[in-house]
Amino acid sequence: MKLSVYAVILALLALLYGIALLFFPVQFLQNYGITIDASATVIARLFGSAMCGYTIIFWINRNVPESDKSWSGLLWSNIFFNAANFIVVLMAKMNGIGNSMSWSTIILSAILTVCTLYFIFRKK
C-alpha cells in the first residue's frame, strides 16, 4: 500500500469519528455503552474537533512525497495517538467501562499502530 492511500484512510477514519464526537457525542458514545453528562460532552466535542484537525493534516499531506521530513513527525505522532488510545480504552474496558463495542476501538488502534510502524520501518 502507498503512504498516500494510508493517509486518505487515516483522514477518513478521523473524519468519521470527529464528526460523530463533535456533533453527536451523546448518541455516539451511547453506542459504546457510555453515558456522559454536560461536562463530558464538552470534552468529547473537544476530542472531536481534534480529530477533525487530524483529518485536515492527513488529507493535506496525502500528496506529499514519502521522502519529505513531515512524514516522520506525522507517523510518529500517529503511533503515539493510537498506542495511547489502545491503552486508555483497554484500561477502561478492563475496569468495566463500556460495552463490547469498545473492542472495536481497541482492535482498530492496534491495527493502525502496526500499519503505521510498517510505514516507518519499511525499506524504501
C-alpha atoms as a PDB file:
ATOM      1  CA  MET A   1       0.000   0.000   0.000  1.00  0.00           C
ATOM      2  CA  LYS A   2       1.162   3.501  -0.753  1.00  0.00           C
ATOM      3  CA  LEU A   3       1.565   6.019   2.030  1.00  0.00           C
ATOM      4  CA  SER A   4      -0.802   8.374   0.200  1.00  0.00           C
ATOM      5  CA  VAL A   5      -3.582   5.752   0.333  1.00  0.00           C
ATOM      6  CA  TYR A   6      -2.895   5.177   4.029  1.00  0.00           C
ATOM      7  CA  ALA A   7      -3.105   8.930   4.648  1.00  0.00           C
ATOM      8  CA  VAL A   8      -6.537   9.010   2.983  1.00  0.00           C
ATOM      9  CA  ILE A   9      -7.698   6.074   5.145  1.00  0.00           C
ATOM     10  CA  LEU A  10      -6.485   7.849   8.296  1.00  0.00           C
ATOM     11  CA  ALA A  11      -8.163  11.078   7.195  1.00  0.00           C
ATOM     12  CA  LEU A  12     -11.488   9.342   6.552  1.00  0.00           C
ATOM     13  CA  LEU A  13     -11.430   7.466   9.865  1.00  0.00           C
ATOM     14  CA  ALA A  14     -10.595  10.663  11.730  1.00  0.00           C
ATOM     15  CA  LEU A  15     -13.374  12.498   9.885  1.00  0.00           C
ATOM     16  CA  LEU A  16     -15.987   9.876  10.802  1.00  0.00           C
ATOM     17  CA  TYR A  17     -15.017   9.813  14.471  1.00  0.00           C
ATOM     18  CA  GLY A  18     -14.504  13.588  14.511  1.00  0.00           C
ATOM     19  CA  ILE A  19     -17.940  14.430  13.121  1.00  0.00           C
ATOM     20  CA  ALA A  20     -19.631  11.900  15.413  1.00  0.00           C
ATOM     21  CA  LEU A  21     -17.889  13.260  18.514  1.00  0.00           C
ATOM     22  CA  LEU A  22     -18.192  16.919  17.562  1.00  0.00           C
ATOM     23  CA  PHE A  23     -21.856  16.948  16.595  1.00  0.00           C
ATOM     24  CA  PHE A  24     -23.406  13.837  18.196  1.00  0.00           C
ATOM     25  CA  PRO A  25     -21.256  12.958  21.236  1.00  0.00           C
ATOM     26  CA  VAL A  26     -24.028  11.657  23.488  1.00  0.00           C
ATOM     27  CA  GLN A  27     -25.589   9.434  20.820  1.00  0.00           C
ATOM     28  CA  PHE A  28     -22.226   8.228  19.503  1.00  0.00           C
ATOM     29  CA  LEU A  29     -20.889   7.254  22.911  1.00  0.00           C
ATOM     30  CA  GLN A  30     -24.156   5.517  23.817  1.00  0.00           C
ATOM     31  CA  ASN A  31     -23.245   3.015  21.088  1.00  0.00           C
ATOM     32  CA  TYR A  32     -20.257   2.128  23.257  1.00  0.00           C
ATOM     33  CA  GLY A  33     -22.380   1.807  26.402  1.00  0.00           C
ATOM     34  CA  ILE A  34     -21.081   5.095  27.780  1.00  0.00           C
ATOM     35  CA  THR A  35     -23.350   7.819  29.125  1.00  0.00           C
ATOM     36  CA  ILE A  36     -21.962  11.304  29.543  1.00  0.00           C
ATOM     37  CA  ASP A  37     -23.073  14.455  31.316  1.00  0.00           C
ATOM     38  CA  ALA A  38     -22.820  18.050  30.082  1.00  0.00           C
ATOM     39  CA  SER A  39     -19.174  18.426  31.177  1.00  0.00           C
ATOM     40  CA  ALA A  40     -18.099  15.212  29.471  1.00  0.00           C
ATOM     41  CA  THR A  41     -19.972  16.303  26.348  1.00  0.00           C
ATOM     42  CA  VAL A  42     -17.674  19.332  26.138  1.00  0.00           C
ATOM     43  CA  ILE A  43     -14.599  17.095  26.396  1.00  0.00           C
ATOM     44  CA  ALA A  44     -15.989  14.698  23.772  1.00  0.00           C
ATOM     45  CA  ARG A  45     -16.601  17.637  21.431  1.00  0.00           C
ATOM     46  CA  LEU A  46     -13.058  18.912  22.010  1.00  0.00           C
ATOM     47  CA  PHE A  47     -11.741  15.472  21.072  1.00  0.00           C
ATOM     48  CA  GLY A  48     -13.998  15.523  18.011  1.00  0.00           C
ATOM     49  CA  SER A  49     -12.588  18.877  16.935  1.00  0.00           C
ATOM     50  CA  ALA A  50      -9.052  17.498  17.355  1.00  0.00           C
ATOM     51  CA  MET A  51      -9.995  14.509  15.204  1.00  0.00           C
ATOM     52  CA  CYS A  52     -11.295  16.873  12.514  1.00  0.00           C
ATOM     53  CA  GLY A  53      -7.974  18.709  12.673  1.00  0.00           C
ATOM     54  CA  TYR A  54      -6.196  15.368  12.303  1.00  0.00           C
ATOM     55  CA  THR A  55      -8.332  14.790   9.195  1.00  0.00           C
ATOM     56  CA  ILE A  56      -7.110  18.022   7.641  1.00  0.00           C
ATOM     57  CA  ILE A  57      -3.466  17.265   8.397  1.00  0.00           C
ATOM     58  CA  PHE A  58      -3.527  13.816   6.779  1.00  0.00           C
ATOM     59  CA  TRP A  59      -5.703  14.943   3.875  1.00  0.00           C
ATOM     60  CA  ILE A  60      -3.363  17.823   3.022  1.00  0.00           C
ATOM     61  CA  ASN A  61      -0.289  15.622   3.427  1.00  0.00           C
ATOM     62  CA  ARG A  62      -1.595  12.767   1.239  1.00  0.00           C
ATOM     63  CA  ASN A  63       0.197  14.067  -1.856  1.00  0.00           C
ATOM     64  CA  VAL A  64       3.446  14.992  -0.125  1.00  0.00           C
ATOM     65  CA  PRO A  65       6.306  12.683  -1.217  1.00  0.00           C
ATOM     66  CA  GLU A  66       7.274   9.989   1.309  1.00  0.00           C
ATOM     67  CA  SER A  67      10.784  11.372   1.429  1.00  0.00           C
ATOM     68  CA  ASP A  68       9.527  14.650   2.909  1.00  0.00           C
ATOM     69  CA  LYS A  69      10.547  15.183   6.542  1.00  0.00           C
ATOM     70  CA  SER A  70       6.969  15.996   7.581  1.00  0.00           C
ATOM     71  CA  TRP A  71       6.036  12.318   7.279  1.00  0.00           C
ATOM     72  CA  SER A  72       8.325  11.261  10.093  1.00  0.00           C
ATOM     73  CA  GLY A  73       6.616  13.554  12.580  1.00  0.00           C
ATOM     74  CA  LEU A  74       3.132  12.676  11.339  1.00  0.00           C
ATOM     75  CA  LEU A  75       3.750   8.943  11.537  1.00  0.00           C
ATOM     76  CA  TRP A  76       5.356   9.071  14.988  1.00  0.00           C
ATOM     77  CA  SER A  77       2.514  11.242  16.293  1.00  0.00           C
ATOM     78  CA  ASN A  78       0.083   8.689  14.847  1.00  0.00           C
ATOM     79  CA  ILE A  79       1.926   5.919  16.736  1.00  0.00           C
ATOM     80  CA  PHE A  80       1.600   7.868  19.978  1.00  0.00           C
ATOM     81  CA  PHE A  81      -2.061   8.679  19.341  1.00  0.00           C
ATOM     82  CA  ASN A  82      -3.110   5.118  18.548  1.00  0.00           C
ATOM     83  CA  ALA A  83      -0.957   3.471  21.218  1.00  0.00           C
ATOM     84  CA  ALA A  84      -2.369   5.857  23.828  1.00  0.00           C
ATOM     85  CA  ASN A  85      -5.924   5.183  22.609  1.00  0.00           C
ATOM     86  CA  PHE A  86      -5.255   1.449  22.807  1.00  0.00           C
ATOM     87  CA  ILE A  87      -4.048   1.691  26.410  1.00  0.00           C
ATOM     88  CA  VAL A  88      -6.761   4.088  27.601  1.00  0.00           C
ATOM     89  CA  VAL A  89      -9.663   2.139  26.103  1.00  0.00           C
ATOM     90  CA  LEU A  90      -8.225  -1.229  27.144  1.00  0.00           C
ATOM     91  CA  MET A  91      -7.857   0.002  30.729  1.00  0.00           C
ATOM     92  CA  ALA A  92     -11.426   1.317  30.660  1.00  0.00           C
ATOM     93  CA  LYS A  93     -12.694  -1.992  29.298  1.00  0.00           C
ATOM     94  CA  MET A  94     -10.810  -3.929  31.988  1.00  0.00           C
ATOM     95  CA  ASN A  95     -12.470  -1.676  34.596  1.00  0.00           C
ATOM     96  CA  GLY A  96     -15.929  -2.485  33.262  1.00  0.00           C
ATOM     97  CA  ILE A  97     -16.468   0.761  31.364  1.00  0.00           C
ATOM     98  CA  GLY A  98     -18.220   0.424  28.022  1.00  0.00           C
ATOM     99  CA  ASN A  99     -19.736  -2.489  26.176  1.00  0.00           C
ATOM    100  CA  SER A 100     -18.426  -4.919  23.562  1.00  0.00           C
ATOM    101  CA  MET A 101     -18.139  -2.063  21.008  1.00  0.00           C
ATOM    102  CA  SER A 102     -15.095  -0.890  22.977  1.00  0.00           C
ATOM    103  CA  TRP A 103     -13.201  -3.811  21.465  1.00  0.00           C
ATOM    104  CA  SER A 104     -13.606  -2.232  18.018  1.00  0.00           C
ATOM    105  CA  THR A 105     -11.649   0.810  19.190  1.00  0.00           C
ATOM    106  CA  ILE A 106      -9.004  -1.369  20.847  1.00  0.00           C
ATOM    107  CA  ILE A 107      -8.576  -3.502  17.722  1.00  0.00           C
ATOM    108  CA  LEU A 108      -8.616  -0.510  15.347  1.00  0.00           C
ATOM    109  CA  SER A 109      -5.985   1.279  17.447  1.00  0.00           C
ATOM    110  CA  ALA A 110      -3.769  -1.822  17.426  1.00  0.00           C
ATOM    111  CA  ILE A 111      -4.130  -2.253  13.650  1.00  0.00           C
ATOM    112  CA  LEU A 112      -3.358   1.404  12.963  1.00  0.00           C
ATOM    113  CA  THR A 113      -0.329   1.282  15.266  1.00  0.00           C
ATOM    114  CA  VAL A 114       1.065  -1.762  13.434  1.00  0.00           C
ATOM    115  CA  CYS A 115       0.325  -0.270   9.994  1.00  0.00           C
ATOM    116  CA  THR A 116       1.998   2.989  10.922  1.00  0.00           C
ATOM    117  CA  LEU A 117       5.037   1.110  12.237  1.00  0.00           C
ATOM    118  CA  TYR A 118       5.182  -0.631   8.871  1.00  0.00           C
ATOM    119  CA  PHE A 119       5.404   2.720   7.081  1.00  0.00           C
ATOM    120  CA  ILE A 120       8.048   3.998   9.487  1.00  0.00           C
ATOM    121  CA  PHE A 121      10.345   0.991   9.248  1.00  0.00           C
ATOM    122  CA  ARG A 122       9.824  -0.347   5.737  1.00  0.00           C
ATOM    123  CA  LYS A 123      12.661  -0.202   3.300  1.00  0.00           C
ATOM    124  CA  LYS A 124      12.132   2.337   0.580  1.00  0.00           C
END
